[in-house]
Amino acid sequence: MRQRNPFAQKTQERPPAARRFDLENALADAMAKCVRVDLRYDDDLGARGFEPTAVYWTSKGKVCVSGVQVSNANDPMDQSGPHNFEVGRITALVLTDIKFVPDPRFHRFDAKYRHGIISSV
């Protein structure tokens, strides 16, 4: 278990980032083509390999993308697997030529998508 400073202030949840329609459209294009993207998130210095499956609304009014992170240059020990990113906090996005098969764990009727899917595979 990670040790925490008992005197540290509690971190407050960040408000929703501004919508980035350009990124939403690029992610929709990647999902339609089933191609991996390389993205930088928030203060990342390196790119992450990501296979997007859905862009959706959260209960807190954020627009997020779910999918499978396959690599993380910022933390090579970061495990591959299901991951979510807030679209408005993505700072760079490039579609690759690497095809992927959509993760069979994705179910559009999962409760996490109850506030609406914007686009999906």
PDB file of N, CA and C in Angstrom:
ATOM      1  N   MET A   1       0.840  -1.178   0.000  1.00  0.00           N
ATOM      2  CA  MET A   1       0.000   0.000   0.000  1.00  0.00           C
ATOM      3  C   MET A   1       0.888   1.246   0.000  1.00  0.00           C
ATOM      4  N   ARG A   2       0.516   2.206  -0.798  1.00  0.00           N
ATOM      5  CA  ARG A   2       1.289   3.434  -0.923  1.00  0.00           C
ATOM      6  C   ARG A   2       1.150   4.275   0.344  1.00  0.00           C
ATOM      7  N   GLN A   3       2.287   4.739   0.851  1.00  0.00           N
ATOM      8  CA  GLN A   3       2.275   5.597   2.035  1.00  0.00           C
ATOM      9  C   GLN A   3       1.850   7.005   1.639  1.00  0.00           C
ATOM     10  N   ARG A   4       1.047   7.635   2.467  1.00  0.00           N
ATOM     11  CA  ARG A   4       0.583   8.990   2.201  1.00  0.00           C
ATOM     12  C   ARG A   4       1.007   9.892   3.343  1.00  0.00           C
ATOM     13  N   ASN A   5       1.291  11.114   3.013  1.00  0.00           N
ATOM     14  CA  ASN A   5       1.619  12.112   4.012  1.00  0.00           C
ATOM     15  C   ASN A   5       0.332  12.457   4.772  1.00  0.00           C
ATOM     16  N   PRO A   6       0.300  12.239   6.082  1.00  0.00           N
ATOM     17  CA  PRO A   6      -0.938  12.498   6.832  1.00  0.00           C
ATOM     18  C   PRO A   6      -1.312  13.982   6.885  1.00  0.00           C
ATOM     19  N   PHE A   7      -0.369  14.865   6.564  1.00  0.00           N
ATOM     20  CA  PHE A   7      -0.629  16.297   6.601  1.00  0.00           C
ATOM     21  C   PHE A   7      -0.927  16.878   5.219  1.00  0.00           C
ATOM     22  N   ALA A   8      -0.848  16.042   4.207  1.00  0.00           N
ATOM     23  CA  ALA A   8      -1.091  16.517   2.842  1.00  0.00           C
ATOM     24  C   ALA A   8      -2.569  16.861   2.671  1.00  0.00           C
ATOM     25  N   GLN A   9      -2.807  17.868   1.836  1.00  0.00           N
ATOM     26  CA  GLN A   9      -4.187  18.225   1.548  1.00  0.00           C
ATOM     27  C   GLN A   9      -4.795  17.158   0.651  1.00  0.00           C
ATOM     28  N   LYS A  10      -6.080  16.949   0.844  1.00  0.00           N
ATOM     29  CA  LYS A  10      -6.766  16.015  -0.032  1.00  0.00           C
ATOM     30  C   LYS A  10      -6.814  16.610  -1.427  1.00  0.00           C
ATOM     31  N   THR A  11      -6.592  15.758  -2.416  1.00  0.00           N
ATOM     32  CA  THR A  11      -6.666  16.238  -3.791  1.00  0.00           C
ATOM     33  C   THR A  11      -8.128  16.347  -4.193  1.00  0.00           C
ATOM     34  N   GLN A  12      -8.462  17.465  -4.772  1.00  0.00           N
ATOM     35  CA  GLN A  12      -9.828  17.664  -5.223  1.00  0.00           C
ATOM     36  C   GLN A  12      -9.928  17.213  -6.669  1.00  0.00           C
ATOM     37  N   GLU A  13     -11.080  16.682  -7.002  1.00  0.00           N
ATOM     38  CA  GLU A  13     -11.292  16.244  -8.372  1.00  0.00           C
ATOM     39  C   GLU A  13     -11.300  17.456  -9.291  1.00  0.00           C
ATOM     40  N   ARG A  14     -10.654  17.294 -10.419  1.00  0.00           N
ATOM     41  CA  ARG A  14     -10.584  18.376 -11.386  1.00  0.00           C
ATOM     42  C   ARG A  14     -11.910  18.515 -12.127  1.00  0.00           C
ATOM     43  N   PRO A  15     -12.288  19.738 -12.453  1.00  0.00           N
ATOM     44  CA  PRO A  15     -13.530  19.925 -13.221  1.00  0.00           C
ATOM     45  C   PRO A  15     -13.343  19.384 -14.641  1.00  0.00           C
ATOM     46  N   PRO A  16     -14.434  19.141 -15.359  1.00  0.00           N
ATOM     47  CA  PRO A  16     -14.304  18.639 -16.723  1.00  0.00           C
ATOM     48  C   PRO A  16     -13.468  19.580 -17.590  1.00  0.00           C
ATOM     49  N   ALA A  17     -12.607  18.992 -18.407  1.00  0.00           N
ATOM     50  CA  ALA A  17     -11.809  19.768 -19.359  1.00  0.00           C
ATOM     51  C   ALA A  17     -12.725  20.224 -20.497  1.00  0.00           C
ATOM     52  N   ALA A  18     -12.303  21.262 -21.193  1.00  0.00           N
ATOM     53  CA  ALA A  18     -13.067  21.736 -22.352  1.00  0.00           C
ATOM     54  C   ALA A  18     -13.143  20.629 -23.401  1.00  0.00           C
ATOM     55  N   ARG A  19     -14.267  20.546 -24.088  1.00  0.00           N
ATOM     56  CA  ARG A  19     -14.414  19.519 -25.133  1.00  0.00           C
ATOM     57  C   ARG A  19     -13.453  19.797 -26.267  1.00  0.00           C
ATOM     58  N   ARG A  20     -12.908  18.735 -26.806  1.00  0.00           N
ATOM     59  CA  ARG A  20     -11.995  18.798 -27.956  1.00  0.00           C
ATOM     60  C   ARG A  20     -12.604  17.975 -29.083  1.00  0.00           C
ATOM     61  N   PHE A  21     -13.429  18.633 -29.901  1.00  0.00           N
ATOM     62  CA  PHE A  21     -14.118  17.943 -30.983  1.00  0.00           C
ATOM     63  C   PHE A  21     -13.134  17.370 -31.991  1.00  0.00           C
ATOM     64  N   ASP A  22     -11.991  18.039 -32.178  1.00  0.00           N
ATOM     65  CA  ASP A  22     -10.987  17.518 -33.105  1.00  0.00           C
ATOM     66  C   ASP A  22     -10.471  16.160 -32.629  1.00  0.00           C
ATOM     67  N   LEU A  23     -10.220  16.032 -31.326  1.00  0.00           N
ATOM     68  CA  LEU A  23      -9.751  14.764 -30.788  1.00  0.00           C
ATOM     69  C   LEU A  23     -10.860  13.712 -30.788  1.00  0.00           C
ATOM     70  N   GLU A  24     -12.079  14.123 -30.469  1.00  0.00           N
ATOM     71  CA  GLU A  24     -13.201  13.189 -30.511  1.00  0.00           C
ATOM     72  C   GLU A  24     -13.371  12.618 -31.911  1.00  0.00           C
ATOM     73  N   ASN A  25     -13.250  13.481 -32.935  1.00  0.00           N
ATOM     74  CA  ASN A  25     -13.376  13.025 -34.321  1.00  0.00           C
ATOM     75  C   ASN A  25     -12.227  12.109 -34.716  1.00  0.00           C
ATOM     76  N   ALA A  26     -11.008  12.439 -34.287  1.00  0.00           N
ATOM     77  CA  ALA A  26      -9.852  11.595 -34.595  1.00  0.00           C
ATOM     78  C   ALA A  26     -10.004  10.226 -33.929  1.00  0.00           C
ATOM     79  N   LEU A  27     -10.492  10.202 -32.694  1.00  0.00           N
ATOM     80  CA  LEU A  27     -10.709   8.928 -32.010  1.00  0.00           C
ATOM     81  C   LEU A  27     -11.808   8.123 -32.701  1.00  0.00           C
ATOM     82  N   ALA A  28     -12.863   8.786 -33.154  1.00  0.00           N
ATOM     83  CA  ALA A  28     -13.933   8.099 -33.888  1.00  0.00           C
ATOM     84  C   ALA A  28     -13.373   7.489 -35.170  1.00  0.00           C
ATOM     85  N   ASP A  29     -12.496   8.220 -35.854  1.00  0.00           N
ATOM     86  CA  ASP A  29     -11.855   7.717 -37.070  1.00  0.00           C
ATOM     87  C   ASP A  29     -10.997   6.484 -36.754  1.00  0.00           C
ATOM     88  N   ALA A  30     -10.220   6.557 -35.665  1.00  0.00           N
ATOM     89  CA  ALA A  30      -9.378   5.432 -35.261  1.00  0.00           C
ATOM     90  C   ALA A  30     -10.225   4.200 -34.936  1.00  0.00           C
ATOM     91  N   MET A  31     -11.361   4.414 -34.255  1.00  0.00           N
ATOM     92  CA  MET A  31     -12.232   3.294 -33.906  1.00  0.00           C
ATOM     93  C   MET A  31     -12.885   2.690 -35.153  1.00  0.00           C
ATOM     94  N   ALA A  32     -13.283   3.553 -36.085  1.00  0.00           N
ATOM     95  CA  ALA A  32     -13.899   3.058 -37.319  1.00  0.00           C
ATOM     96  C   ALA A  32     -12.908   2.212 -38.121  1.00  0.00           C
ATOM     97  N   LYS A  33     -11.639   2.592 -38.097  1.00  0.00           N
ATOM     98  CA  LYS A  33     -10.593   1.865 -38.825  1.00  0.00           C
ATOM     99  C   LYS A  33      -9.945   0.769 -37.982  1.00  0.00           C
ATOM    100  N   CYS A  34     -10.276   0.725 -36.683  1.00  0.00           N
ATOM    101  CA  CYS A  34      -9.649  -0.206 -35.726  1.00  0.00           C
ATOM    102  C   CYS A  34      -8.130  -0.096 -35.790  1.00  0.00           C
ATOM    103  N   VAL A  35      -7.637   1.153 -35.663  1.00  0.00           N
ATOM    104  CA  VAL A  35      -6.193   1.372 -35.623  1.00  0.00           C
ATOM    105  C   VAL A  35      -5.800   1.983 -34.287  1.00  0.00           C
ATOM    106  N   ARG A  36      -4.633   1.583 -33.828  1.00  0.00           N
ATOM    107  CA  ARG A  36      -4.071   2.077 -32.573  1.00  0.00           C
ATOM    108  C   ARG A  36      -3.725   3.550 -32.723  1.00  0.00           C
ATOM    109  N   VAL A  37      -3.757   4.281 -31.614  1.00  0.00           N
ATOM    110  CA  VAL A  37      -3.307   5.676 -31.586  1.00  0.00           C
ATOM    111  C   VAL A  37      -2.130   5.793 -30.625  1.00  0.00           C
ATOM    112  N   ASP A  38      -1.304   6.780 -30.870  1.00  0.00           N
ATOM    113  CA  ASP A  38      -0.287   7.193 -29.914  1.00  0.00           C
ATOM    114  C   ASP A  38      -0.786   8.504 -29.346  1.00  0.00           C
ATOM    115  N   LEU A  39      -0.831   8.589 -28.022  1.00  0.00           N
ATOM    116  CA  LEU A  39      -1.323   9.822 -27.413  1.00  0.00           C
ATOM    117  C   LEU A  39      -0.425  10.246 -26.266  1.00  0.00           C
ATOM    118  N   ARG A  40      -0.453  11.535 -26.025  1.00  0.00           N
ATOM    119  CA  ARG A  40       0.168  12.092 -24.824  1.00  0.00           C
ATOM    120  C   ARG A  40      -0.967  12.620 -23.976  1.00  0.00           C
ATOM    121  N   TYR A  41      -0.860  12.361 -22.680  1.00  0.00           N
ATOM    122  CA  TYR A  41      -1.939  12.730 -21.783  1.00  0.00           C
ATOM    123  C   TYR A  41      -1.439  13.675 -20.708  1.00  0.00           C
ATOM    124  N   ASP A  42      -2.152  14.771 -20.528  1.00  0.00           N
ATOM    125  CA  ASP A  42      -1.887  15.729 -19.464  1.00  0.00           C
ATOM    126  C   ASP A  42      -0.438  16.193 -19.499  1.00  0.00           C
ATOM    127  N   ASP A  43       0.377  15.776 -18.527  1.00  0.00           N
ATOM    128  CA  ASP A  43       1.770  16.251 -18.500  1.00  0.00           C
ATOM    129  C   ASP A  43       2.759  15.178 -18.947  1.00  0.00           C
ATOM    130  N   ASP A  44       2.291  14.182 -19.714  1.00  0.00           N
ATOM    131  CA  ASP A  44       3.181  13.145 -20.235  1.00  0.00           C
ATOM    132  C   ASP A  44       4.274  13.754 -21.093  1.00  0.00           C
ATOM    133  N   LEU A  45       5.454  13.181 -21.004  1.00  0.00           N
ATOM    134  CA  LEU A  45       6.552  13.574 -21.892  1.00  0.00           C
ATOM    135  C   LEU A  45       6.647  12.617 -23.072  1.00  0.00           C
ATOM    136  N   GLY A  46       6.234  11.385 -22.875  1.00  0.00           N
ATOM    137  CA  GLY A  46       6.282  10.378 -23.925  1.00  0.00           C
ATOM    138  C   GLY A  46       4.884   9.930 -24.309  1.00  0.00           C
ATOM    139  N   ALA A  47       4.819   9.166 -25.393  1.00  0.00           N
ATOM    140  CA  ALA A  47       3.526   8.712 -25.911  1.00  0.00           C
ATOM    141  C   ALA A  47       3.106   7.391 -25.288  1.00  0.00           C
ATOM    142  N   ARG A  48       1.813   7.183 -25.295  1.00  0.00           N
ATOM    143  CA  ARG A  48       1.219   5.921 -24.872  1.00  0.00           C
ATOM    144  C   ARG A  48       0.571   5.286 -26.094  1.00  0.00           C
ATOM    145  N   GLY A  49       0.722   3.976 -26.251  1.00  0.00           N
ATOM    146  CA  GLY A  49      -0.002   3.251 -27.289  1.00  0.00           C
ATOM    147  C   GLY A  49      -1.373   2.890 -26.738  1.00  0.00           C
ATOM    148  N   PHE A  50      -2.425   3.156 -27.510  1.00  0.00           N
ATOM    149  CA  PHE A  50      -3.782   2.992 -27.001  1.00  0.00           C
ATOM    150  C   PHE A  50      -4.703   2.517 -28.110  1.00  0.00           C
ATOM    151  N   GLU A  51      -5.555   1.548 -27.778  1.00  0.00           N
ATOM    152  CA  GLU A  51      -6.557   1.012 -28.698  1.00  0.00           C
ATOM    153  C   GLU A  51      -7.932   1.474 -28.213  1.00  0.00           C
ATOM    154  N   PRO A  52      -8.480   2.549 -28.799  1.00  0.00           N
ATOM    155  CA  PRO A  52      -9.739   3.116 -28.305  1.00  0.00           C
ATOM    156  C   PRO A  52     -10.952   2.261 -28.667  1.00  0.00           C
ATOM    157  N   THR A  53     -11.909   2.186 -27.727  1.00  0.00           N
ATOM    158  CA  THR A  53     -13.144   1.450 -28.003  1.00  0.00           C
ATOM    159  C   THR A  53     -14.403   2.306 -27.887  1.00  0.00           C
ATOM    160  N   ALA A  54     -14.400   3.347 -27.053  1.00  0.00           N
ATOM    161  CA  ALA A  54     -15.595   4.185 -26.929  1.00  0.00           C
ATOM    162  C   ALA A  54     -15.248   5.560 -26.380  1.00  0.00           C
ATOM    163  N   VAL A  55     -15.901   6.580 -26.930  1.00  0.00           N
ATOM    164  CA  VAL A  55     -15.860   7.935 -26.384  1.00  0.00           C
ATOM    165  C   VAL A  55     -17.233   8.135 -25.762  1.00  0.00           C
ATOM    166  N   TYR A  56     -17.249   8.553 -24.496  1.00  0.00           N
ATOM    167  CA  TYR A  56     -18.513   8.559 -23.762  1.00  0.00           C
ATOM    168  C   TYR A  56     -18.548   9.678 -22.716  1.00  0.00           C
ATOM    169  N   TRP A  57     -19.756   9.949 -22.230  1.00  0.00           N
ATOM    170  CA  TRP A  57     -19.988  10.911 -21.155  1.00  0.00           C
ATOM    171  C   TRP A  57     -19.923  10.188 -19.822  1.00  0.00           C
ATOM    172  N   THR A  58     -19.313  10.820 -18.816  1.00  0.00           N
ATOM    173  CA  THR A  58     -19.305  10.252 -17.467  1.00  0.00           C
ATOM    174  C   THR A  58     -20.408  10.910 -16.643  1.00  0.00           C
ATOM    175  N   SER A  59     -20.623  10.389 -15.464  1.00  0.00           N
ATOM    176  CA  SER A  59     -21.625  10.951 -14.558  1.00  0.00           C
ATOM    177  C   SER A  59     -21.235  12.341 -14.076  1.00  0.00           C
ATOM    178  N   LYS A  60     -19.962  12.703 -14.195  1.00  0.00           N
ATOM    179  CA  LYS A  60     -19.477  14.017 -13.751  1.00  0.00           C
ATOM    180  C   LYS A  60     -19.391  15.017 -14.909  1.00  0.00           C
ATOM    181  N   GLY A  61     -19.967  14.663 -16.070  1.00  0.00           N
ATOM    182  CA  GLY A  61     -19.995  15.568 -17.213  1.00  0.00           C
ATOM    183  C   GLY A  61     -18.703  15.633 -17.999  1.00  0.00           C
ATOM    184  N   LYS A  62     -17.835  14.653 -17.826  1.00  0.00           N
ATOM    185  CA  LYS A  62     -16.575  14.606 -18.567  1.00  0.00           C
ATOM    186  C   LYS A  62     -16.757  13.747 -19.811  1.00  0.00           C
ATOM    187  N   VAL A  63     -16.015  14.080 -20.867  1.00  0.00           N
ATOM    188  CA  VAL A  63     -15.980  13.247 -22.059  1.00  0.00           C
ATOM    189  C   VAL A  63     -14.697  12.432 -21.981  1.00  0.00           C
ATOM    190  N   CYS A  64     -14.847  11.121 -21.931  1.00  0.00           N
ATOM    191  CA  CYS A  64     -13.698  10.227 -21.776  1.00  0.00           C
ATOM    192  C   CYS A  64     -13.644   9.230 -22.923  1.00  0.00           C
ATOM    193  N   VAL A  65     -12.481   8.617 -23.076  1.00  0.00           N
ATOM    194  CA  VAL A  65     -12.309   7.530 -24.028  1.00  0.00           C
ATOM    195  C   VAL A  65     -11.849   6.307 -23.246  1.00  0.00           C
ATOM    196  N   SER A  66     -12.473   5.187 -23.540  1.00  0.00           N
ATOM    197  CA  SER A  66     -12.055   3.930 -22.924  1.00  0.00           C
ATOM    198  C   SER A  66     -11.401   3.076 -23.993  1.00  0.00           C
ATOM    199  N   GLY A  67     -10.563   2.180 -23.535  1.00  0.00           N
ATOM    200  CA  GLY A  67      -9.886   1.283 -24.461  1.00  0.00           C
ATOM    201  C   GLY A  67      -8.807   0.520 -23.736  1.00  0.00           C
ATOM    202  N   VAL A  68      -7.824   0.044 -24.494  1.00  0.00           N
ATOM    203  CA  VAL A  68      -6.736  -0.739 -23.932  1.00  0.00           C
ATOM    204  C   VAL A  68      -5.426  -0.002 -24.163  1.00  0.00           C
ATOM    205  N   GLN A  69      -4.753   0.315 -23.066  1.00  0.00           N
ATOM    206  CA  GLN A  69      -3.409   0.896 -23.164  1.00  0.00           C
ATOM    207  C   GLN A  69      -2.449  -0.264 -23.391  1.00  0.00           C
ATOM    208  N   VAL A  70      -1.633  -0.169 -24.457  1.00  0.00           N
ATOM    209  CA  VAL A  70      -0.709  -1.256 -24.773  1.00  0.00           C
ATOM    210  C   VAL A  70       0.739  -0.901 -24.453  1.00  0.00           C
ATOM    211  N   SER A  71       1.015   0.388 -24.268  1.00  0.00           N
ATOM    212  CA  SER A  71       2.367   0.811 -23.887  1.00  0.00           C
ATOM    213  C   SER A  71       2.302   2.195 -23.262  1.00  0.00           C
ATOM    214  N   ASN A  72       3.330   2.490 -22.446  1.00  0.00           N
ATOM    215  CA  ASN A  72       3.409   3.798 -21.803  1.00  0.00           C
ATOM    216  C   ASN A  72       4.882   4.165 -21.667  1.00  0.00           C
ATOM    217  N   ALA A  73       5.368   5.022 -22.555  1.00  0.00           N
ATOM    218  CA  ALA A  73       6.774   5.429 -22.530  1.00  0.00           C
ATOM    219  C   ALA A  73       7.125   6.205 -21.266  1.00  0.00           C
ATOM    220  N   ASN A  74       6.140   6.757 -20.595  1.00  0.00           N
ATOM    221  CA  ASN A  74       6.373   7.528 -19.375  1.00  0.00           C
ATOM    222  C   ASN A  74       6.649   6.632 -18.174  1.00  0.00           C
ATOM    223  N   ASP A  75       6.141   5.419 -18.229  1.00  0.00           N
ATOM    224  CA  ASP A  75       6.309   4.462 -17.138  1.00  0.00           C
ATOM    225  C   ASP A  75       6.301   3.057 -17.718  1.00  0.00           C
ATOM    226  N   PRO A  76       7.471   2.544 -18.125  1.00  0.00           N
ATOM    227  CA  PRO A  76       7.529   1.220 -18.747  1.00  0.00           C
ATOM    228  C   PRO A  76       6.974   0.097 -17.862  1.00  0.00           C
ATOM    229  N   MET A  77       6.883   0.318 -16.553  1.00  0.00           N
ATOM    230  CA  MET A  77       6.338  -0.699 -15.648  1.00  0.00           C
ATOM    231  C   MET A  77       4.804  -0.651 -15.605  1.00  0.00           C
ATOM    232  N   ASP A  78       4.215   0.385 -16.205  1.00  0.00           N
ATOM    233  CA  ASP A  78       2.758   0.514 -16.234  1.00  0.00           C
ATOM    234  C   ASP A  78       2.198  -0.640 -17.060  1.00  0.00           C
ATOM    235  N   GLN A  79       1.334  -1.410 -16.460  1.00  0.00           N
ATOM    236  CA  GLN A  79       0.783  -2.593 -17.109  1.00  0.00           C
ATOM    237  C   GLN A  79      -0.172  -2.221 -18.243  1.00  0.00           C
ATOM    238  N   SER A  80      -0.152  -3.049 -19.278  1.00  0.00           N
ATOM    239  CA  SER A  80      -1.139  -2.910 -20.349  1.00  0.00           C
ATOM    240  C   SER A  80      -2.483  -3.357 -19.807  1.00  0.00           C
ATOM    241  N   GLY A  81      -3.531  -2.817 -20.377  1.00  0.00           N
ATOM    242  CA  GLY A  81      -4.864  -3.233 -19.975  1.00  0.00           C
ATOM    243  C   GLY A  81      -5.880  -2.133 -20.162  1.00  0.00           C
ATOM    244  N   PRO A  82      -7.107  -2.380 -19.720  1.00  0.00           N
ATOM    245  CA  PRO A  82      -8.171  -1.385 -19.868  1.00  0.00           C
ATOM    246  C   PRO A  82      -7.771  -0.067 -19.206  1.00  0.00           C
ATOM    247  N   HIS A  83      -8.127   1.019 -19.872  1.00  0.00           N
ATOM    248  CA  HIS A  83      -7.750   2.337 -19.370  1.00  0.00           C
ATOM    249  C   HIS A  83      -8.757   3.361 -19.875  1.00  0.00           C
ATOM    250  N   ASN A  84      -8.907   4.446 -19.137  1.00  0.00           N
ATOM    251  CA  ASN A  84      -9.771   5.561 -19.533  1.00  0.00           C
ATOM    252  C   ASN A  84      -8.961   6.843 -19.486  1.00  0.00           C
ATOM    253  N   PHE A  85      -9.220   7.716 -20.436  1.00  0.00           N
ATOM    254  CA  PHE A  85      -8.587   9.033 -20.465  1.00  0.00           C
ATOM    255  C   PHE A  85      -9.672  10.074 -20.682  1.00  0.00           C
ATOM    256  N   GLU A  86      -9.536  11.228 -20.048  1.00  0.00           N
ATOM    257  CA  GLU A  86     -10.434  12.341 -20.348  1.00  0.00           C
ATOM    258  C   GLU A  86      -9.939  12.970 -21.650  1.00  0.00           C
ATOM    259  N   VAL A  87     -10.801  13.025 -22.635  1.00  0.00           N
ATOM    260  CA  VAL A  87     -10.397  13.469 -23.975  1.00  0.00           C
ATOM    261  C   VAL A  87      -9.808  14.873 -23.949  1.00  0.00           C
ATOM    262  N   GLY A  88     -10.392  15.778 -23.186  1.00  0.00           N
ATOM    263  CA  GLY A  88      -9.912  17.159 -23.144  1.00  0.00           C
ATOM    264  C   GLY A  88      -8.538  17.322 -22.521  1.00  0.00           C
ATOM    265  N   ARG A  89      -8.018  16.290 -21.894  1.00  0.00           N
ATOM    266  CA  ARG A  89      -6.678  16.350 -21.284  1.00  0.00           C
ATOM    267  C   ARG A  89      -5.619  15.661 -22.153  1.00  0.00           C
ATOM    268  N   ILE A  90      -6.031  15.159 -23.310  1.00  0.00           N
ATOM    269  CA  ILE A  90      -5.078  14.602 -24.270  1.00  0.00           C
ATOM    270  C   ILE A  90      -4.407  15.783 -24.960  1.00  0.00           C
ATOM    271  N   THR A  91      -3.072  15.800 -24.957  1.00  0.00           N
ATOM    272  CA  THR A  91      -2.339  16.930 -25.532  1.00  0.00           C
ATOM    273  C   THR A  91      -1.819  16.651 -26.936  1.00  0.00           C
ATOM    274  N   ALA A  92      -1.735  15.385 -27.329  1.00  0.00           N
ATOM    275  CA  ALA A  92      -1.302  15.027 -28.685  1.00  0.00           C
ATOM    276  C   ALA A  92      -1.909  13.673 -29.030  1.00  0.00           C
ATOM    277  N   LEU A  93      -2.305  13.515 -30.285  1.00  0.00           N
ATOM    278  CA  LEU A  93      -2.916  12.268 -30.726  1.00  0.00           C
ATOM    279  C   LEU A  93      -2.535  12.019 -32.180  1.00  0.00           C
ATOM    280  N   VAL A  94      -2.016  10.824 -32.445  1.00  0.00           N
ATOM    281  CA  VAL A  94      -1.628  10.440 -33.808  1.00  0.00           C
ATOM    282  C   VAL A  94      -2.192   9.053 -34.090  1.00  0.00           C
ATOM    283  N   LEU A  95      -2.906   8.911 -35.200  1.00  0.00           N
ATOM    284  CA  LEU A  95      -3.367   7.601 -35.622  1.00  0.00           C
ATOM    285  C   LEU A  95      -2.192   6.854 -36.232  1.00  0.00           C
ATOM    286  N   THR A  96      -2.065   5.570 -35.910  1.00  0.00           N
ATOM    287  CA  THR A  96      -1.004   4.749 -36.476  1.00  0.00           C
ATOM    288  C   THR A  96      -1.597   3.859 -37.558  1.00  0.00           C
ATOM    289  N   ASP A  97      -0.759   3.036 -38.166  1.00  0.00           N
ATOM    290  CA  ASP A  97      -1.216   2.050 -39.151  1.00  0.00           C
ATOM    291  C   ASP A  97      -1.395   0.674 -38.513  1.00  0.00           C
ATOM    292  N   ILE A  98      -1.212   0.603 -37.202  1.00  0.00           N
ATOM    293  CA  ILE A  98      -1.274  -0.684 -36.504  1.00  0.00           C
ATOM    294  C   ILE A  98      -2.735  -1.034 -36.221  1.00  0.00           C
ATOM    295  N   LYS A  99      -3.204  -2.114 -36.825  1.00  0.00           N
ATOM    296  CA  LYS A  99      -4.589  -2.571 -36.631  1.00  0.00           C
ATOM    297  C   LYS A  99      -4.727  -3.279 -35.292  1.00  0.00           C
ATOM    298  N   PHE A 100      -5.935  -3.256 -34.744  1.00  0.00           N
ATOM    299  CA  PHE A 100      -6.226  -4.023 -33.538  1.00  0.00           C
ATOM    300  C   PHE A 100      -7.605  -4.646 -33.647  1.00  0.00           C
ATOM    301  N   VAL A 101      -7.793  -5.697 -32.858  1.00  0.00           N
ATOM    302  CA  VAL A 101      -9.098  -6.338 -32.736  1.00  0.00           C
ATOM    303  C   VAL A 101      -9.732  -5.767 -31.472  1.00  0.00           C
ATOM    304  N   PRO A 102     -10.962  -5.246 -31.573  1.00  0.00           N
ATOM    305  CA  PRO A 102     -11.598  -4.666 -30.385  1.00  0.00           C
ATOM    306  C   PRO A 102     -11.632  -5.646 -29.212  1.00  0.00           C
ATOM    307  N   ASP A 103     -11.369  -5.133 -28.045  1.00  0.00           N
ATOM    308  CA  ASP A 103     -11.338  -5.923 -26.823  1.00  0.00           C
ATOM    309  C   ASP A 103     -12.720  -6.527 -26.573  1.00  0.00           C
ATOM    310  N   PRO A 104     -12.802  -7.851 -26.403  1.00  0.00           N
ATOM    311  CA  PRO A 104     -14.114  -8.483 -26.191  1.00  0.00           C
ATOM    312  C   PRO A 104     -14.763  -8.100 -24.855  1.00  0.00           C
ATOM    313  N   ARG A 105     -14.009  -7.456 -23.959  1.00  0.00           N
ATOM    314  CA  ARG A 105     -14.592  -7.017 -22.682  1.00  0.00           C
ATOM    315  C   ARG A 105     -15.456  -5.773 -22.843  1.00  0.00           C
ATOM    316  N   PHE A 106     -15.374  -5.101 -24.015  1.00  0.00           N
ATOM    317  CA  PHE A 106     -16.178  -3.898 -24.244  1.00  0.00           C
ATOM    318  C   PHE A 106     -17.633  -4.293 -24.474  1.00  0.00           C
ATOM    319  N   HIS A 107     -18.521  -3.735 -23.662  1.00  0.00           N
ATOM    320  CA  HIS A 107     -19.965  -3.944 -23.823  1.00  0.00           C
ATOM    321  C   HIS A 107     -20.636  -2.585 -23.744  1.00  0.00           C
ATOM    322  N   ARG A 108     -21.251  -2.192 -24.842  1.00  0.00           N
ATOM    323  CA  ARG A 108     -21.851  -0.854 -24.899  1.00  0.00           C
ATOM    324  C   ARG A 108     -22.967  -0.650 -23.884  1.00  0.00           C
ATOM    325  N   PHE A 109     -23.493  -1.723 -23.306  1.00  0.00           N
ATOM    326  CA  PHE A 109     -24.559  -1.587 -22.317  1.00  0.00           C
ATOM    327  C   PHE A 109     -24.026  -1.643 -20.883  1.00  0.00           C
ATOM    328  N   ASP A 110     -22.713  -1.589 -20.732  1.00  0.00           N
ATOM    329  CA  ASP A 110     -22.091  -1.530 -19.405  1.00  0.00           C
ATOM    330  C   ASP A 110     -22.562  -0.246 -18.710  1.00  0.00           C
ATOM    331  N   ALA A 111     -22.747  -0.315 -17.405  1.00  0.00           N
ATOM    332  CA  ALA A 111     -23.249   0.831 -16.625  1.00  0.00           C
ATOM    333  C   ALA A 111     -22.358   2.066 -16.771  1.00  0.00           C
ATOM    334  N   LYS A 112     -21.092   1.888 -17.039  1.00  0.00           N
ATOM    335  CA  LYS A 112     -20.195   3.045 -17.156  1.00  0.00           C
ATOM    336  C   LYS A 112     -20.580   3.945 -18.331  1.00  0.00           C
ATOM    337  N   TYR A 113     -21.292   3.385 -19.315  1.00  0.00           N
ATOM    338  CA  TYR A 113     -21.687   4.152 -20.501  1.00  0.00           C
ATOM    339  C   TYR A 113     -23.123   4.663 -20.421  1.00  0.00           C
ATOM    340  N   ARG A 114     -23.759   4.575 -19.260  1.00  0.00           N
ATOM    341  CA  ARG A 114     -25.181   4.918 -19.148  1.00  0.00           C
ATOM    342  C   ARG A 114     -25.478   6.386 -19.417  1.00  0.00           C
ATOM    343  N   HIS A 115     -24.481   7.245 -19.372  1.00  0.00           N
ATOM    344  CA  HIS A 115     -24.719   8.670 -19.636  1.00  0.00           C
ATOM    345  C   HIS A 115     -24.553   9.021 -21.108  1.00  0.00           C
ATOM    346  N   GLY A 116     -24.230   8.047 -21.923  1.00  0.00           N
ATOM    347  CA  GLY A 116     -24.204   8.232 -23.364  1.00  0.00           C
ATOM    348  C   GLY A 116     -22.858   7.959 -24.002  1.00  0.00           C
ATOM    349  N   ILE A 117     -22.913   7.210 -25.094  1.00  0.00           N
ATOM    350  CA  ILE A 117     -21.731   6.959 -25.921  1.00  0.00           C
ATOM    351  C   ILE A 117     -21.775   7.925 -27.081  1.00  0.00           C
ATOM    352  N   ILE A 118     -20.681   8.608 -27.310  1.00  0.00           N
ATOM    353  CA  ILE A 118     -20.567   9.561 -28.414  1.00  0.00           C
ATOM    354  C   ILE A 118     -20.169   8.815 -29.682  1.00  0.00           C
ATOM    355  N   SER A 119     -19.189   7.904 -29.556  1.00  0.00           N
ATOM    356  CA  SER A 119     -18.776   7.042 -30.672  1.00  0.00           C
ATOM    357  C   SER A 119     -18.126   5.795 -30.096  1.00  0.00           C
ATOM    358  N   SER A 120     -18.154   4.716 -30.877  1.00  0.00           N
ATOM    359  CA  SER A 120     -17.558   3.462 -30.414  1.00  0.00           C
ATOM    360  C   SER A 120     -17.205   2.586 -31.597  1.00  0.00           C
ATOM    361  N   VAL A 121     -16.473   1.491 -31.303  1.00  0.00           N
ATOM    362  CA  VAL A 121     -16.121   0.528 -32.351  1.00  0.00           C
ATOM    363  C   VAL A 121     -17.368  -0.189 -32.799  1.00  0.00           C
TER     364      VAL A 121
END
